[in-house]
């Protein structure tokens, strides 16, 4: 299955990107997580950061994947109707073609202006290795 967790790019430059994922009740994985109280799974929040980073760091259509995760913390829940705003910065470009990144996902609620951190951490994305 392929999940596209970047609905819109709000801003992008050489070192950072800001994206939005609108979470709807129609998201396939919400049916199981949890049937009576649907929330965006933590692994999908992390994947939203990785997909944003991949769009930021990809050179000429290069395919990048998650390589390593460090110090990820989860906070606020993301429910259907909320938007997940992801901001990713490149910390370092490594000689092997990988990128050390730092990202934060905040919840934008439909019913108020308050933003809460849903996910934050450091991770590395790297080129796909076909072996």
C-alpha atoms as a PDB file:
ATOM      1  CA  UNK A   1       0.000   0.000   0.000  1.00  0.00           C
ATOM      2  CA  UNK A   2       1.124   3.516  -0.691  1.00  0.00           C
ATOM      3  CA  UNK A   3      -0.024   6.286   1.591  1.00  0.00           C
ATOM      4  CA  UNK A   4       0.440   9.881   0.464  1.00  0.00           C
ATOM      5  CA  UNK A   5       0.782  11.900   3.641  1.00  0.00           C
ATOM      6  CA  UNK A   6       1.605  15.228   1.978  1.00  0.00           C
ATOM      7  CA  UNK A   7      -1.514  16.971   0.717  1.00  0.00           C
ATOM      8  CA  UNK A   8       0.030  20.402   0.265  1.00  0.00           C
ATOM      9  CA  UNK A   9       3.434  22.093   0.423  1.00  0.00           C
ATOM     10  CA  UNK A  10       3.035  25.435   2.204  1.00  0.00           C
ATOM     11  CA  UNK A  11       6.659  26.582   2.014  1.00  0.00           C
ATOM     12  CA  UNK A  12       9.973  25.219   0.813  1.00  0.00           C
ATOM     13  CA  UNK A  13      13.550  26.421   0.456  1.00  0.00           C
ATOM     14  CA  UNK A  14      16.927  24.677   0.256  1.00  0.00           C
ATOM     15  CA  UNK A  15      17.001  23.785   3.968  1.00  0.00           C
ATOM     16  CA  UNK A  16      13.378  23.374   5.056  1.00  0.00           C
ATOM     17  CA  UNK A  17       9.874  22.420   4.027  1.00  0.00           C
ATOM     18  CA  UNK A  18       6.424  22.892   5.567  1.00  0.00           C
ATOM     19  CA  UNK A  19       3.617  20.536   4.516  1.00  0.00           C
ATOM     20  CA  UNK A  20       0.014  19.784   5.456  1.00  0.00           C
ATOM     21  CA  UNK A  21      -1.814  16.466   5.759  1.00  0.00           C
ATOM     22  CA  UNK A  22      -5.599  16.777   6.115  1.00  0.00           C
ATOM     23  CA  UNK A  23      -6.766  13.781   8.149  1.00  0.00           C
ATOM     24  CA  UNK A  24     -10.216  12.537   7.149  1.00  0.00           C
ATOM     25  CA  UNK A  25     -12.472   9.767   8.406  1.00  0.00           C
ATOM     26  CA  UNK A  26     -11.962   8.087   5.018  1.00  0.00           C
ATOM     27  CA  UNK A  27      -8.305   7.264   5.807  1.00  0.00           C
ATOM     28  CA  UNK A  28      -8.110   3.484   5.489  1.00  0.00           C
ATOM     29  CA  UNK A  29      -5.911   2.891   8.555  1.00  0.00           C
ATOM     30  CA  UNK A  30      -8.245   4.788  10.925  1.00  0.00           C
ATOM     31  CA  UNK A  31     -10.752   1.935  10.807  1.00  0.00           C
ATOM     32  CA  UNK A  32      -8.390  -0.186  12.886  1.00  0.00           C
ATOM     33  CA  UNK A  33      -6.797   2.571  14.967  1.00  0.00           C
ATOM     34  CA  UNK A  34      -9.126   2.682  16.860  1.00  0.00           C
ATOM     35  CA  UNK A  35     -12.632   1.697  15.682  1.00  0.00           C
ATOM     36  CA  UNK A  36     -14.478   3.657  18.380  1.00  0.00           C
ATOM     37  CA  UNK A  37     -11.899   6.462  18.743  1.00  0.00           C
ATOM     38  CA  UNK A  38      -9.980   7.001  15.470  1.00  0.00           C
ATOM     39  CA  UNK A  39      -6.587   8.728  15.715  1.00  0.00           C
ATOM     40  CA  UNK A  40      -3.676   8.979  13.314  1.00  0.00           C
ATOM     41  CA  UNK A  41      -1.151   6.274  14.267  1.00  0.00           C
ATOM     42  CA  UNK A  42       2.235   7.502  15.476  1.00  0.00           C
ATOM     43  CA  UNK A  43       4.028   5.631  12.719  1.00  0.00           C
ATOM     44  CA  UNK A  44       1.950   7.547  10.149  1.00  0.00           C
ATOM     45  CA  UNK A  45       2.888  10.846  11.798  1.00  0.00           C
ATOM     46  CA  UNK A  46       6.544   9.870  11.473  1.00  0.00           C
ATOM     47  CA  UNK A  47       5.948   8.802   7.858  1.00  0.00           C
ATOM     48  CA  UNK A  48       4.433  12.234   7.135  1.00  0.00           C
ATOM     49  CA  UNK A  49       7.702  13.812   8.328  1.00  0.00           C
ATOM     50  CA  UNK A  50       9.722  11.355   6.221  1.00  0.00           C
ATOM     51  CA  UNK A  51       7.657  12.070   3.099  1.00  0.00           C
ATOM     52  CA  UNK A  52       8.094  15.818   3.615  1.00  0.00           C
ATOM     53  CA  UNK A  53      11.849  15.317   4.053  1.00  0.00           C
ATOM     54  CA  UNK A  54      11.994  13.171   0.925  1.00  0.00           C
ATOM     55  CA  UNK A  55      10.366  15.933  -1.118  1.00  0.00           C
ATOM     56  CA  UNK A  56      12.835  18.423   0.329  1.00  0.00           C
ATOM     57  CA  UNK A  57      15.990  16.349  -0.173  1.00  0.00           C
ATOM     58  CA  UNK A  58      15.306  14.392  -3.366  1.00  0.00           C
ATOM     59  CA  UNK A  59      17.654  15.362  -6.165  1.00  0.00           C
ATOM     60  CA  UNK A  60      16.377  14.752  -9.676  1.00  0.00           C
ATOM     61  CA  UNK A  61      13.686  12.273  -8.705  1.00  0.00           C
ATOM     62  CA  UNK A  62      15.994  10.268  -6.446  1.00  0.00           C
ATOM     63  CA  UNK A  63      13.999   7.908  -4.199  1.00  0.00           C
ATOM     64  CA  UNK A  64      14.733   8.307  -0.501  1.00  0.00           C
ATOM     65  CA  UNK A  65      13.627   6.127   2.404  1.00  0.00           C
ATOM     66  CA  UNK A  66      13.845   6.225   6.186  1.00  0.00           C
ATOM     67  CA  UNK A  67      17.271   5.146   7.389  1.00  0.00           C
ATOM     68  CA  UNK A  68      17.376   5.831  11.119  1.00  0.00           C
ATOM     69  CA  UNK A  69      15.190   7.413  13.795  1.00  0.00           C
ATOM     70  CA  UNK A  70      16.484   9.143  16.933  1.00  0.00           C
ATOM     71  CA  UNK A  71      14.744  10.790  19.847  1.00  0.00           C
ATOM     72  CA  UNK A  72      11.176  10.765  18.524  1.00  0.00           C
ATOM     73  CA  UNK A  73       8.538  11.999  20.938  1.00  0.00           C
ATOM     74  CA  UNK A  74       4.772  11.879  20.541  1.00  0.00           C
ATOM     75  CA  UNK A  75       2.315  14.290  22.092  1.00  0.00           C
ATOM     76  CA  UNK A  76      -1.122  15.419  20.936  1.00  0.00           C
ATOM     77  CA  UNK A  77      -3.503  13.102  19.112  1.00  0.00           C
ATOM     78  CA  UNK A  78      -4.461  13.816  15.504  1.00  0.00           C
ATOM     79  CA  UNK A  79      -8.128  13.039  14.835  1.00  0.00           C
ATOM     80  CA  UNK A  80     -10.232  13.067  11.668  1.00  0.00           C
ATOM     81  CA  UNK A  81     -10.933  16.681  10.763  1.00  0.00           C
ATOM     82  CA  UNK A  82      -7.546  17.863  12.052  1.00  0.00           C
ATOM     83  CA  UNK A  83      -4.584  18.842   9.914  1.00  0.00           C
ATOM     84  CA  UNK A  84      -1.019  17.710  10.606  1.00  0.00           C
ATOM     85  CA  UNK A  85       1.436  20.508   9.800  1.00  0.00           C
ATOM     86  CA  UNK A  86       4.931  19.094   9.274  1.00  0.00           C
ATOM     87  CA  UNK A  87       8.067  21.196   9.331  1.00  0.00           C
ATOM     88  CA  UNK A  88      11.353  19.514   8.423  1.00  0.00           C
ATOM     89  CA  UNK A  89      14.836  21.007   8.391  1.00  0.00           C
ATOM     90  CA  UNK A  90      18.001  19.488   6.955  1.00  0.00           C
ATOM     91  CA  UNK A  91      20.583  19.306   9.734  1.00  0.00           C
ATOM     92  CA  UNK A  92      23.366  17.772   7.635  1.00  0.00           C
ATOM     93  CA  UNK A  93      23.916  16.297   4.183  1.00  0.00           C
ATOM     94  CA  UNK A  94      26.202  13.281   4.489  1.00  0.00           C
ATOM     95  CA  UNK A  95      28.808  12.094   1.939  1.00  0.00           C
ATOM     96  CA  UNK A  96      26.887   8.821   1.399  1.00  0.00           C
ATOM     97  CA  UNK A  97      23.871  10.730   0.031  1.00  0.00           C
ATOM     98  CA  UNK A  98      21.855  10.514   3.235  1.00  0.00           C
ATOM     99  CA  UNK A  99      20.390  13.486   5.078  1.00  0.00           C
ATOM    100  CA  UNK A 100      20.124  14.061   8.822  1.00  0.00           C
ATOM    101  CA  UNK A 101      16.839  15.868   9.461  1.00  0.00           C
ATOM    102  CA  UNK A 102      14.886  17.361  12.316  1.00  0.00           C
ATOM    103  CA  UNK A 103      11.114  17.490  12.124  1.00  0.00           C
ATOM    104  CA  UNK A 104       8.046  18.583  14.031  1.00  0.00           C
ATOM    105  CA  UNK A 105       4.413  17.774  13.363  1.00  0.00           C
ATOM    106  CA  UNK A 106       1.801  20.024  14.939  1.00  0.00           C
ATOM    107  CA  UNK A 107      -1.954  19.536  15.077  1.00  0.00           C
ATOM    108  CA  UNK A 108      -4.106  22.248  13.564  1.00  0.00           C
ATOM    109  CA  UNK A 109      -7.592  21.793  15.004  1.00  0.00           C
ATOM    110  CA  UNK A 110     -10.677  22.840  13.094  1.00  0.00           C
ATOM    111  CA  UNK A 111     -12.372  24.262  16.176  1.00  0.00           C
ATOM    112  CA  UNK A 112      -9.639  26.558  17.552  1.00  0.00           C
ATOM    113  CA  UNK A 113      -6.375  28.376  16.825  1.00  0.00           C
ATOM    114  CA  UNK A 114      -4.262  26.400  19.290  1.00  0.00           C
ATOM    115  CA  UNK A 115      -1.472  24.243  17.881  1.00  0.00           C
ATOM    116  CA  UNK A 116      -0.127  21.250  19.772  1.00  0.00           C
ATOM    117  CA  UNK A 117       2.937  19.156  19.002  1.00  0.00           C
ATOM    118  CA  UNK A 118       1.960  15.682  17.834  1.00  0.00           C
ATOM    119  CA  UNK A 119       5.416  14.356  16.856  1.00  0.00           C
ATOM    120  CA  UNK A 120       8.966  15.670  16.987  1.00  0.00           C
ATOM    121  CA  UNK A 121      12.365  14.145  16.494  1.00  0.00           C
ATOM    122  CA  UNK A 122      15.481  13.562  14.472  1.00  0.00           C
ATOM    123  CA  UNK A 123      15.813  11.050  11.661  1.00  0.00           C
ATOM    124  CA  UNK A 124      17.947  10.160   8.659  1.00  0.00           C
ATOM    125  CA  UNK A 125      16.702   9.538   5.154  1.00  0.00           C
ATOM    126  CA  UNK A 126      18.874   7.778   2.614  1.00  0.00           C
ATOM    127  CA  UNK A 127      18.814   6.677  -1.030  1.00  0.00           C
ATOM    128  CA  UNK A 128      17.166   3.329  -1.765  1.00  0.00           C
ATOM    129  CA  UNK A 129      19.723   0.534  -1.898  1.00  0.00           C
ATOM    130  CA  UNK A 130      18.940  -2.103  -4.474  1.00  0.00           C
ATOM    131  CA  UNK A 131      20.884  -5.225  -3.483  1.00  0.00           C
END
